[in-house]
Amino acid sequence: MKIKIVSRKLIKPSTPTPQNLNKYKISFLDEHLPPVNTRTIFFYDPILSNNRKQQNMLQLAESLSEILPKFYPLAGRYIKNDGLVDCSDQGVEFVEAQVVDDDDVDFNDLVSKMEMEELNMLLSRTPHQVDELPTDPLMYIQVTEFKCGGLAIGVSVSHRIFDGYSFGIFMDAWSTANNNHPNPGGEIKICPSFDLATLFPGYGPSSGPSVTIPSHPPSPILKRFTFNKDAITSVRSKLIQRPNSYYSRVRVVCAVIAKAIMGVDRARHGGKSRPCLIGQAVNMRERTNPPMHKCSCGNFVLTSLTQFSETRDHENVIGVQELVDNMGDSVRKTVASCAEILSQSANLHSTITETFANIRGKRSSGEVNVMFFTDWSKFGLYDVDFGWGKPVGVGIGAVLAMNVVRLVNNKEGDGIEAWVHLNSNDIAYFEQDQDIELLAT
C-alpha cells in the first residue's frame, strides 16, 4: 500500500484560549509517563458521492476547530524544561491523504486482517515521535481516503497529556461536533475538565523518573486476537466462580492471554517459568471519595500488580483459574485504595513512583517475565460516528514494548479484541497455546 499526502495543516481552536489558561502544568502522574504517542485508527465504510467526500474532509477540520477550545491543551506545545504545555493555540496537525490510484488495495481485506505495517501507514507519527522539538504538536490526525471511498481516521496523541479514557472523551466530543456542524457547540454536552494537575501538581521535570528511549528499542509484532461472545462464555463455564464475584469479559481474556504469554516464556527458558509480574491499568475516575469529574482529562490511572514469584516446571503451570482469581484480587485491592486518594496525594505520589520503579527494574533485569494489560473496552471506540455510520473496524498503533496488551470491545459489543505485542520469534509459541488456538480468531 502506498500513501500520498494531499495536504498538511494546523487546525487551531475556533476561539482563543483565555490568558489565564495559557500555561497548563502537568500532574505528577503525567510526569511518570514515557514520551510516547497513543495511536488509534478508525475505519469507515465507503462514501459514494465525491461531493460528499470533499464536504466530509472540510467538515472534519472545522468540527475539530470547534471543539479545541474545550480541549485547549491538545492545541498547545509541551515545554520540557518547564514541565508545562504552552497553550497558545498553535494547533493540531491535520493531514489529508489518499491511497495512490495505481495501488490495488482491498479496503475490506485490510480491515479484516489489520496488518501492523499497513496500520502504521495510516498514522502520521511513530510511537516515539513526540517532544522532539518545542514546536511538535501534541496531537496528529491523518484522514486517509481509499479508492473505494472508504476512510481511515488515524489519531496520534501524546500520552503525557492524555490517557485512554481522555481519548475516548475527545473522540466522542469530536464526532458529536461533526454531526452537529455547522451549529458550533450545538448539542455537545461534554465538558472536559483539566483539573488533575491542580489536585496532583507536578514536582518539576527533574523529579520524575529518568525515562529515555533506547537507541535500539525492541520491535515487537502487534497482532489482534478476537474473542467472541461464545468463546468467552466457554471459558467462563469451566471456571469455579467465587461467591460474590463476577468474571467479566476483560478479566477472562486477560487471564487466557497471560497464561499464553507464560507459556511462551516457558518455551524460551527450557520448560521452566520465570517469576512473573503482571500489571493492569486501573482507571481512578469515579472511584475516589468524593468522585472526580466524569470528564477529567489527563492521566489518572493506577497500576495493579500481580506477582508470581516462584518458578514452576511444565507439570505445575499456572492456569486460567489461578490467573483470573489472583489478577482479579489485585484489581479489587487497587480499586479499594482509590477512595482515599484525594486526601492522600503524597501517598499516591510514592505509590506511583514505587510502582513504576518496580516495573522498570523487573523488566530491565531480564530475570522476570513482565506483561502489562490496559482495558479500553469501556471507551466507546466502536461508537465514534461522525455522521456516516459507526466504524467497521478499529485498529491500534504499536508501541515499542514486548508483552503489552490493549483490550477493546469488538464491533458487536459482546466480545473483546486483544492487541498483543510479541517478539516475532514468540508468535508461533503464543498461537500454539491450547486456549488461544481454540478460542481466538
Protein backbone atom coordinates (compact mmCIF):
# COMPACT_ATOMS: atom_id res chain seq x y z
CA MET A 1 0.00 0.00 0.00
CA LYS A 2 1.25 3.44 -0.96
CA ILE A 3 0.02 6.65 0.62
CA LYS A 4 0.10 10.12 -0.96
CA ILE A 5 -0.08 13.16 1.30
CA VAL A 6 -2.58 15.63 -0.20
CA SER A 7 -2.32 18.36 2.43
CA ARG A 8 -0.85 19.03 5.84
CA LYS A 9 -2.05 21.90 8.01
CA LEU A 10 -2.53 23.03 11.58
CA ILE A 11 -6.08 23.24 12.93
CA LYS A 12 -6.37 25.90 15.59
CA PRO A 13 -9.16 26.42 18.15
CA SER A 14 -12.11 28.38 16.78
CA THR A 15 -11.84 30.80 19.71
CA PRO A 16 -8.63 31.86 21.50
CA THR A 17 -7.67 30.18 24.76
CA PRO A 18 -8.17 32.63 27.66
CA GLN A 19 -4.98 34.18 29.02
CA ASN A 20 -5.44 32.51 32.43
CA LEU A 21 -5.33 29.06 30.75
CA ASN A 22 -2.23 29.66 28.62
CA LYS A 23 0.06 27.63 30.89
CA TYR A 24 -1.09 24.09 31.65
CA LYS A 25 1.14 22.44 34.25
CA ILE A 26 1.16 18.67 34.01
CA SER A 27 0.47 16.48 37.06
CA PHE A 28 2.94 14.16 38.75
CA LEU A 29 1.05 11.25 37.20
CA ASP A 30 1.83 12.72 33.76
CA GLU A 31 5.49 13.17 34.73
CA HIS A 32 5.98 9.43 35.20
CA LEU A 33 4.92 8.51 31.70
CA PRO A 34 7.46 7.97 28.93
CA PRO A 35 7.36 10.25 25.87
CA VAL A 36 5.13 8.15 23.63
CA ASN A 37 2.15 8.64 21.34
CA THR A 38 -1.05 6.66 21.81
CA ARG A 39 -2.28 5.80 18.32
CA THR A 40 -5.67 4.58 17.09
CA ILE A 41 -7.25 4.18 13.64
CA PHE A 42 -10.98 4.25 12.88
CA PHE A 43 -12.21 2.70 9.60
CA TYR A 44 -15.45 3.78 7.90
CA ASP A 45 -17.36 2.21 5.02
CA PRO A 46 -17.19 3.85 1.57
CA ILE A 47 -18.96 7.14 0.93
CA LEU A 48 -20.10 7.10 -2.69
CA SER A 49 -20.56 10.77 -3.58
CA ASN A 50 -17.42 12.74 -4.48
CA ASN A 51 -19.08 15.94 -3.31
CA ARG A 52 -19.87 14.26 0.00
CA LYS A 53 -16.24 13.14 0.35
CA GLN A 54 -14.91 16.67 -0.07
CA GLN A 55 -17.55 18.05 2.24
CA ASN A 56 -16.70 15.45 4.90
CA MET A 57 -13.00 16.32 4.83
CA LEU A 58 -13.71 20.03 5.26
CA GLN A 59 -16.28 19.34 7.95
CA LEU A 60 -13.87 17.16 9.94
CA ALA A 61 -11.36 20.01 10.10
CA GLU A 62 -14.00 22.60 11.00
CA SER A 63 -15.62 20.50 13.72
CA LEU A 64 -12.17 19.77 15.16
CA SER A 65 -11.56 23.51 15.37
CA GLU A 66 -14.91 23.93 17.12
CA ILE A 67 -14.13 21.55 19.98
CA LEU A 68 -10.48 22.51 20.54
CA PRO A 69 -11.40 25.45 22.83
CA LYS A 70 -12.71 22.81 25.26
CA PHE A 71 -9.62 20.61 24.79
CA TYR A 72 -7.19 23.53 24.67
CA PRO A 73 -4.02 21.67 25.86
CA LEU A 74 -4.16 19.49 22.73
CA ALA A 75 -3.57 22.55 20.55
CA GLY A 76 -0.57 23.61 22.62
CA ARG A 77 3.10 22.63 22.75
CA TYR A 78 4.92 20.81 25.55
CA ILE A 79 7.86 22.70 27.08
CA LYS A 80 10.15 20.07 28.61
CA ASN A 81 12.25 22.35 30.77
CA ASP A 82 9.19 23.89 32.42
CA GLY A 83 7.05 20.76 32.69
CA LEU A 84 4.07 22.51 31.15
CA VAL A 85 2.04 22.91 27.98
CA ASP A 86 2.17 26.32 26.32
CA CYS A 87 -1.49 26.70 25.32
CA SER A 88 -1.10 29.48 22.77
CA ASP A 89 -3.34 27.79 20.19
CA GLN A 90 -0.52 26.59 17.95
CA GLY A 91 -2.83 23.86 16.61
CA VAL A 92 -3.36 20.15 15.95
CA GLU A 93 -1.72 18.73 12.82
CA PHE A 94 -4.34 17.59 10.29
CA VAL A 95 -3.17 15.51 7.34
CA GLU A 96 -5.29 14.62 4.33
CA ALA A 97 -4.02 11.55 2.49
CA GLN A 98 -5.03 9.14 -0.26
CA VAL A 99 -4.12 5.60 -1.24
CA VAL A 100 -2.46 6.05 -4.65
CA ASP A 101 -4.61 5.20 -7.66
CA ASP A 102 -2.33 2.53 -9.09
CA ASP A 103 -2.23 0.51 -5.90
CA ASP A 104 -4.60 -2.43 -5.66
CA VAL A 105 -5.79 -2.31 -2.04
CA ASP A 106 -8.87 -4.15 -0.87
CA PHE A 107 -10.39 -1.99 1.87
CA ASN A 108 -12.47 -4.80 3.40
CA ASP A 109 -9.48 -7.15 3.37
CA LEU A 110 -7.31 -4.56 5.12
CA VAL A 111 -9.94 -4.00 7.82
CA SER A 112 -10.36 -7.74 8.27
CA LYS A 113 -6.65 -8.55 8.59
CA MET A 114 -5.41 -5.39 10.40
CA GLU A 115 -1.73 -5.94 9.46
CA MET A 116 0.67 -3.85 11.54
CA GLU A 117 2.67 -2.50 8.58
CA GLU A 118 -0.46 -1.18 6.86
CA LEU A 119 -1.87 0.30 10.05
CA ASN A 120 1.36 2.24 10.60
CA MET A 121 0.97 3.85 7.17
CA LEU A 122 -2.37 5.31 8.26
CA LEU A 123 -0.75 7.16 11.16
CA SER A 124 1.31 10.29 10.66
CA ARG A 125 3.65 9.69 13.62
CA THR A 126 5.61 6.78 15.09
CA PRO A 127 5.17 5.83 18.77
CA HIS A 128 8.16 7.87 19.93
CA GLN A 129 7.93 10.87 17.58
CA VAL A 130 6.94 13.14 20.44
CA ASP A 131 8.58 16.02 22.34
CA GLU A 132 11.47 16.04 19.88
CA LEU A 133 11.14 19.77 19.27
CA PRO A 134 9.29 22.51 21.20
CA THR A 135 7.26 23.08 18.02
CA ASP A 136 5.97 19.48 17.86
CA PRO A 137 2.17 19.19 18.05
CA LEU A 138 0.66 17.08 20.83
CA MET A 139 -1.97 15.58 18.52
CA TYR A 140 -1.73 14.43 14.90
CA ILE A 141 -4.69 13.37 12.77
CA GLN A 142 -4.41 11.66 9.39
CA VAL A 143 -7.55 11.13 7.30
CA THR A 144 -6.85 8.66 4.50
CA GLU A 145 -9.24 8.06 1.61
CA PHE A 146 -9.22 4.70 -0.19
CA LYS A 147 -10.06 4.26 -3.87
CA CYS A 148 -13.35 2.61 -2.97
CA GLY A 149 -14.37 5.63 -0.90
CA GLY A 150 -13.61 4.11 2.49
CA LEU A 151 -11.99 6.32 5.12
CA ALA A 152 -9.41 5.74 7.83
CA ILE A 153 -9.01 8.34 10.58
CA GLY A 154 -5.71 7.82 12.39
CA VAL A 155 -5.20 9.77 15.61
CA SER A 156 -1.89 10.07 17.50
CA VAL A 157 -1.85 11.89 20.84
CA SER A 158 0.89 12.40 23.42
CA HIS A 159 0.40 10.06 26.37
CA ARG A 160 1.92 12.75 28.58
CA ILE A 161 -1.30 14.74 28.16
CA PHE A 162 -3.98 12.07 27.63
CA ASP A 163 -4.75 8.56 28.82
CA GLY A 164 -7.14 6.20 27.04
CA TYR A 165 -10.19 7.42 28.95
CA SER A 166 -9.43 11.03 28.00
CA PHE A 167 -9.01 9.97 24.38
CA GLY A 168 -12.46 8.35 24.42
CA ILE A 169 -13.97 11.61 25.73
CA PHE A 170 -12.24 13.59 22.97
CA MET A 171 -13.39 11.27 20.16
CA ASP A 172 -16.96 11.37 21.48
CA ALA A 173 -16.89 15.19 21.54
CA TRP A 174 -15.33 15.50 18.08
CA SER A 175 -17.74 13.06 16.41
CA THR A 176 -20.70 14.77 18.11
CA ALA A 177 -19.50 18.19 16.93
CA ASN A 178 -19.12 16.85 13.39
CA ASN A 179 -22.70 15.57 13.47
CA ASN A 180 -23.94 18.96 14.72
CA HIS A 181 -21.94 21.02 12.22
CA PRO A 182 -22.45 23.84 11.24
CA ASN A 183 -24.01 24.62 14.65
CA PRO A 184 -20.88 25.17 16.79
CA GLY A 185 -21.30 23.59 20.19
CA GLY A 186 -24.95 22.90 19.38
CA GLU A 187 -25.70 19.74 21.38
CA ILE A 188 -22.23 18.98 22.72
CA LYS A 189 -22.81 18.21 26.38
CA ILE A 190 -19.26 17.00 27.03
CA CYS A 191 -17.40 19.46 29.24
CA PRO A 192 -13.86 18.17 29.82
CA SER A 193 -12.05 19.15 33.00
CA PHE A 194 -8.29 19.69 33.20
CA ASP A 195 -8.05 19.96 36.99
CA LEU A 196 -5.91 16.89 37.70
CA ALA A 197 -2.73 18.97 37.63
CA THR A 198 -4.23 21.27 40.28
CA LEU A 199 -5.15 18.35 42.54
CA PHE A 200 -1.91 16.46 41.93
CA PRO A 201 0.66 19.11 40.95
CA GLY A 202 3.84 18.04 39.25
CA TYR A 203 7.16 18.05 41.07
CA GLY A 204 9.04 19.51 38.11
CA PRO A 205 10.84 17.99 35.11
CA SER A 206 13.76 16.68 37.17
CA SER A 207 11.61 14.94 39.80
CA GLY A 208 10.08 12.24 37.64
CA PRO A 209 11.91 9.06 36.65
CA SER A 210 14.60 9.37 34.03
CA VAL A 211 12.77 7.78 31.12
CA THR A 212 14.81 7.52 27.95
CA ILE A 213 14.10 5.69 24.75
CA PRO A 214 16.85 3.16 23.97
CA SER A 215 18.84 3.80 20.82
CA HIS A 216 17.72 0.39 19.55
CA PRO A 217 14.26 -0.14 21.08
CA PRO A 218 12.53 -3.51 20.74
CA SER A 219 10.48 -4.01 17.60
CA PRO A 220 7.53 -6.15 18.60
CA ILE A 221 4.99 -7.59 16.22
CA LEU A 222 1.46 -6.39 17.02
CA LYS A 223 -1.35 -8.86 16.35
CA ARG A 224 -5.06 -8.72 17.00
CA PHE A 225 -6.76 -11.73 18.60
CA THR A 226 -10.57 -11.61 18.74
CA PHE A 227 -12.54 -13.43 21.43
CA ASN A 228 -16.25 -13.52 20.57
CA LYS A 229 -19.13 -13.97 23.00
CA ASP A 230 -19.26 -17.76 22.62
CA ALA A 231 -15.52 -18.14 23.25
CA ILE A 232 -15.69 -16.10 26.47
CA THR A 233 -18.77 -17.99 27.63
CA SER A 234 -16.91 -21.26 27.02
CA VAL A 235 -14.02 -20.18 29.28
CA ARG A 236 -16.40 -18.93 32.00
CA SER A 237 -18.24 -22.27 32.02
CA LYS A 238 -15.05 -24.07 33.02
CA LEU A 239 -14.18 -21.73 35.91
CA ILE A 240 -15.16 -22.24 39.53
CA GLN A 241 -16.63 -18.86 40.41
CA ARG A 242 -16.12 -17.49 43.88
CA PRO A 243 -19.14 -16.21 45.85
CA ASN A 244 -19.96 -12.54 45.18
CA SER A 245 -17.51 -12.35 42.28
CA TYR A 246 -18.03 -11.83 38.58
CA TYR A 247 -15.69 -12.89 35.82
CA SER A 248 -16.01 -10.07 33.29
CA ARG A 249 -15.13 -10.43 29.61
CA VAL A 250 -11.94 -8.44 30.15
CA ARG A 251 -10.91 -10.41 33.21
CA VAL A 252 -11.37 -13.74 31.43
CA VAL A 253 -9.50 -12.67 28.28
CA CYS A 254 -6.63 -11.18 30.33
CA ALA A 255 -6.20 -14.49 32.16
CA VAL A 256 -6.21 -16.51 28.91
CA ILE A 257 -3.61 -14.22 27.31
CA ALA A 258 -1.44 -14.10 30.45
CA LYS A 259 -1.37 -17.91 30.51
CA ALA A 260 -0.30 -17.97 26.85
CA ILE A 261 2.48 -15.41 27.43
CA MET A 262 3.69 -17.51 30.37
CA GLY A 263 3.76 -20.48 28.02
CA VAL A 264 5.94 -18.51 25.60
CA ASP A 265 8.32 -17.69 28.43
CA ARG A 266 8.47 -21.33 29.46
CA ALA A 267 9.27 -22.42 25.90
CA ARG A 268 12.13 -19.93 25.77
CA HIS A 269 13.60 -20.99 29.12
CA GLY A 270 13.90 -24.74 28.93
CA GLY A 271 10.41 -25.62 30.11
CA LYS A 272 10.53 -23.63 33.37
CA SER A 273 8.56 -20.49 34.14
CA ARG A 274 10.42 -17.47 35.45
CA PRO A 275 8.88 -15.30 38.18
CA CYS A 276 6.15 -13.17 36.62
CA LEU A 277 4.88 -9.62 37.17
CA ILE A 278 1.52 -8.65 35.65
CA GLY A 279 0.46 -5.01 35.52
CA GLN A 280 -3.14 -3.91 34.91
CA ALA A 281 -4.14 -0.28 34.41
CA VAL A 282 -6.99 0.83 36.70
CA ASN A 283 -8.97 3.99 35.93
CA MET A 284 -9.40 6.01 39.17
CA ARG A 285 -12.18 8.35 38.00
CA GLU A 286 -15.49 7.97 39.84
CA ARG A 287 -13.74 5.68 42.33
CA THR A 288 -12.38 8.44 44.52
CA ASN A 289 -14.19 9.95 47.50
CA PRO A 290 -15.74 12.28 46.50
CA PRO A 291 -15.88 11.11 42.85
CA MET A 292 -13.79 13.01 40.33
CA HIS A 293 -15.36 14.93 37.46
CA LYS A 294 -16.61 12.31 34.99
CA CYS A 295 -14.77 14.03 32.14
CA SER A 296 -11.47 14.65 33.94
CA CYS A 297 -8.80 14.63 31.25
CA GLY A 298 -5.14 13.81 31.70
CA ASN A 299 -3.60 10.68 33.18
CA PHE A 300 -5.48 9.30 36.17
CA VAL A 301 -4.59 5.62 36.34
CA LEU A 302 -3.13 3.33 38.97
CA THR A 303 -1.31 0.13 38.07
CA SER A 304 -2.45 -3.03 39.81
CA LEU A 305 0.39 -5.54 40.20
CA THR A 306 0.05 -9.32 40.42
CA GLN A 307 3.22 -11.27 41.19
CA PHE A 308 4.01 -14.95 40.85
CA SER A 309 7.42 -15.24 42.46
CA GLU A 310 8.10 -18.96 42.37
CA THR A 311 9.44 -20.75 39.31
CA ARG A 312 7.43 -23.73 38.11
CA ASP A 313 8.07 -26.63 35.76
CA HIS A 314 5.81 -27.82 32.97
CA GLU A 315 3.89 -30.14 35.31
CA ASN A 316 2.85 -27.34 37.68
CA VAL A 317 1.95 -24.42 35.47
CA ILE A 318 -0.29 -21.51 36.38
CA GLY A 319 -3.72 -21.95 34.81
CA VAL A 320 -6.56 -19.65 33.83
CA GLN A 321 -8.41 -20.25 37.13
CA GLU A 322 -5.45 -19.12 39.25
CA LEU A 323 -4.80 -16.16 36.99
CA VAL A 324 -8.39 -14.93 36.81
CA ASP A 325 -8.68 -15.08 40.62
CA ASN A 326 -5.30 -13.54 41.51
CA MET A 327 -5.45 -10.81 38.89
CA GLY A 328 -9.00 -10.00 39.99
CA ASP A 329 -7.91 -9.79 43.65
CA SER A 330 -5.15 -7.34 42.73
CA VAL A 331 -7.54 -5.10 40.80
CA ARG A 332 -10.07 -5.12 43.67
CA LYS A 333 -7.41 -4.01 46.14
CA THR A 334 -6.29 -1.23 43.79
CA VAL A 335 -9.87 -0.06 43.26
CA ALA A 336 -10.46 0.00 47.03
CA SER A 337 -7.36 2.17 47.51
CA CYS A 338 -8.75 4.80 45.12
CA ALA A 339 -11.29 6.03 47.69
CA GLU A 340 -8.71 7.87 49.83
CA ILE A 341 -6.54 9.21 47.03
CA LEU A 342 -7.82 12.79 47.09
CA SER A 343 -6.93 13.17 50.76
CA GLN A 344 -3.59 11.39 50.47
CA SER A 345 -1.94 12.80 47.35
CA ALA A 346 1.54 12.45 48.88
CA ASN A 347 0.92 8.72 49.36
CA LEU A 348 -0.29 8.50 45.78
CA HIS A 349 2.96 10.04 44.56
CA SER A 350 5.06 7.50 46.45
CA THR A 351 2.81 4.64 45.26
CA ILE A 352 3.10 5.73 41.62
CA THR A 353 6.88 6.19 41.92
CA GLU A 354 7.42 2.80 43.55
CA THR A 355 5.14 1.01 41.07
CA PHE A 356 6.88 2.41 38.01
CA ALA A 357 10.30 1.71 39.56
CA ASN A 358 9.24 -1.86 40.29
CA ILE A 359 8.06 -2.48 36.72
CA ARG A 360 11.13 -0.86 35.13
CA GLY A 361 13.51 -2.68 37.46
CA LYS A 362 11.94 -6.08 36.84
CA ARG A 363 11.80 -5.53 33.08
CA SER A 364 15.41 -4.34 32.80
CA SER A 365 16.76 -7.15 35.00
CA GLY A 366 15.75 -9.76 32.45
CA GLU A 367 15.05 -12.17 35.33
CA VAL A 368 11.28 -11.64 35.47
CA ASN A 369 8.57 -12.16 32.84
CA VAL A 370 6.76 -8.79 32.76
CA MET A 371 3.47 -8.15 30.97
CA PHE A 372 1.04 -5.24 31.01
CA PHE A 373 -2.69 -5.01 30.25
CA THR A 374 -4.74 -1.90 29.56
CA ASP A 375 -8.52 -2.05 29.16
CA TRP A 376 -10.12 0.30 26.59
CA SER A 377 -13.34 -1.70 26.29
CA LYS A 378 -15.48 0.95 28.01
CA PHE A 379 -14.23 3.94 25.98
CA GLY A 380 -16.77 3.60 23.15
CA LEU A 381 -14.33 3.34 20.25
CA TYR A 382 -16.84 1.47 18.08
CA ASP A 383 -19.44 4.18 18.79
CA VAL A 384 -17.45 7.02 17.21
CA ASP A 385 -19.89 8.10 14.49
CA PHE A 386 -19.04 11.26 12.54
CA GLY A 387 -22.31 11.14 10.65
CA TRP A 388 -21.70 8.39 8.13
CA GLY A 389 -22.08 5.38 10.43
CA LYS A 390 -20.10 3.69 13.17
CA PRO A 391 -16.63 2.28 12.47
CA VAL A 392 -16.43 -1.03 10.64
CA GLY A 393 -13.07 -1.56 12.32
CA VAL A 394 -10.81 -0.03 14.95
CA GLY A 395 -7.04 -0.52 14.74
CA ILE A 396 -4.34 0.08 17.31
CA GLY A 397 -0.90 1.56 16.64
CA ALA A 398 2.01 -0.45 18.02
CA VAL A 399 4.19 0.59 20.96
CA LEU A 400 7.85 -0.37 21.26
CA ALA A 401 7.49 -2.78 24.17
CA MET A 402 7.00 -6.52 24.47
CA ASN A 403 4.10 -8.28 26.20
CA VAL A 404 1.89 -5.20 26.22
CA VAL A 405 -1.79 -5.93 25.61
CA ARG A 406 -4.59 -3.44 24.85
CA LEU A 407 -8.18 -4.65 25.03
CA VAL A 408 -11.10 -3.05 23.18
CA ASN A 409 -14.68 -4.11 22.52
CA ASN A 410 -15.41 -5.98 19.34
CA LYS A 411 -17.75 -4.36 16.82
CA GLU A 412 -20.75 -6.32 18.13
CA GLY A 413 -20.09 -5.13 21.70
CA ASP A 414 -20.22 -8.61 23.26
CA GLY A 415 -16.63 -9.76 22.79
CA ILE A 416 -13.06 -8.48 23.10
CA GLU A 417 -10.37 -7.61 20.57
CA ALA A 418 -6.96 -8.08 22.20
CA TRP A 419 -3.99 -6.33 20.60
CA VAL A 420 -0.88 -8.20 21.74
CA HIS A 421 2.76 -7.07 21.32
CA LEU A 422 5.08 -10.06 20.91
CA ASN A 423 8.62 -10.80 19.83
CA SER A 424 8.49 -12.06 16.25
CA ASN A 425 10.14 -15.30 17.39
CA ASP A 426 7.43 -15.85 20.00
CA ILE A 427 4.29 -15.59 17.88
CA ALA A 428 4.28 -19.28 16.94
CA TYR A 429 4.61 -20.32 20.62
CA PHE A 430 1.79 -17.95 21.59
CA GLU A 431 -0.58 -19.18 18.89
CA GLN A 432 0.11 -22.81 19.86
CA ASP A 433 -1.37 -22.24 23.31
CA GLN A 434 -4.39 -24.51 23.59
CA ASP A 435 -6.84 -21.77 24.59
CA ILE A 436 -5.56 -19.24 22.03
CA GLU A 437 -5.78 -21.86 19.29
CA LEU A 438 -9.29 -22.89 20.35
CA LEU A 439 -10.86 -19.54 21.28
CA ALA A 440 -9.23 -16.67 19.40
CA THR A 441 -9.69 -15.69 15.78
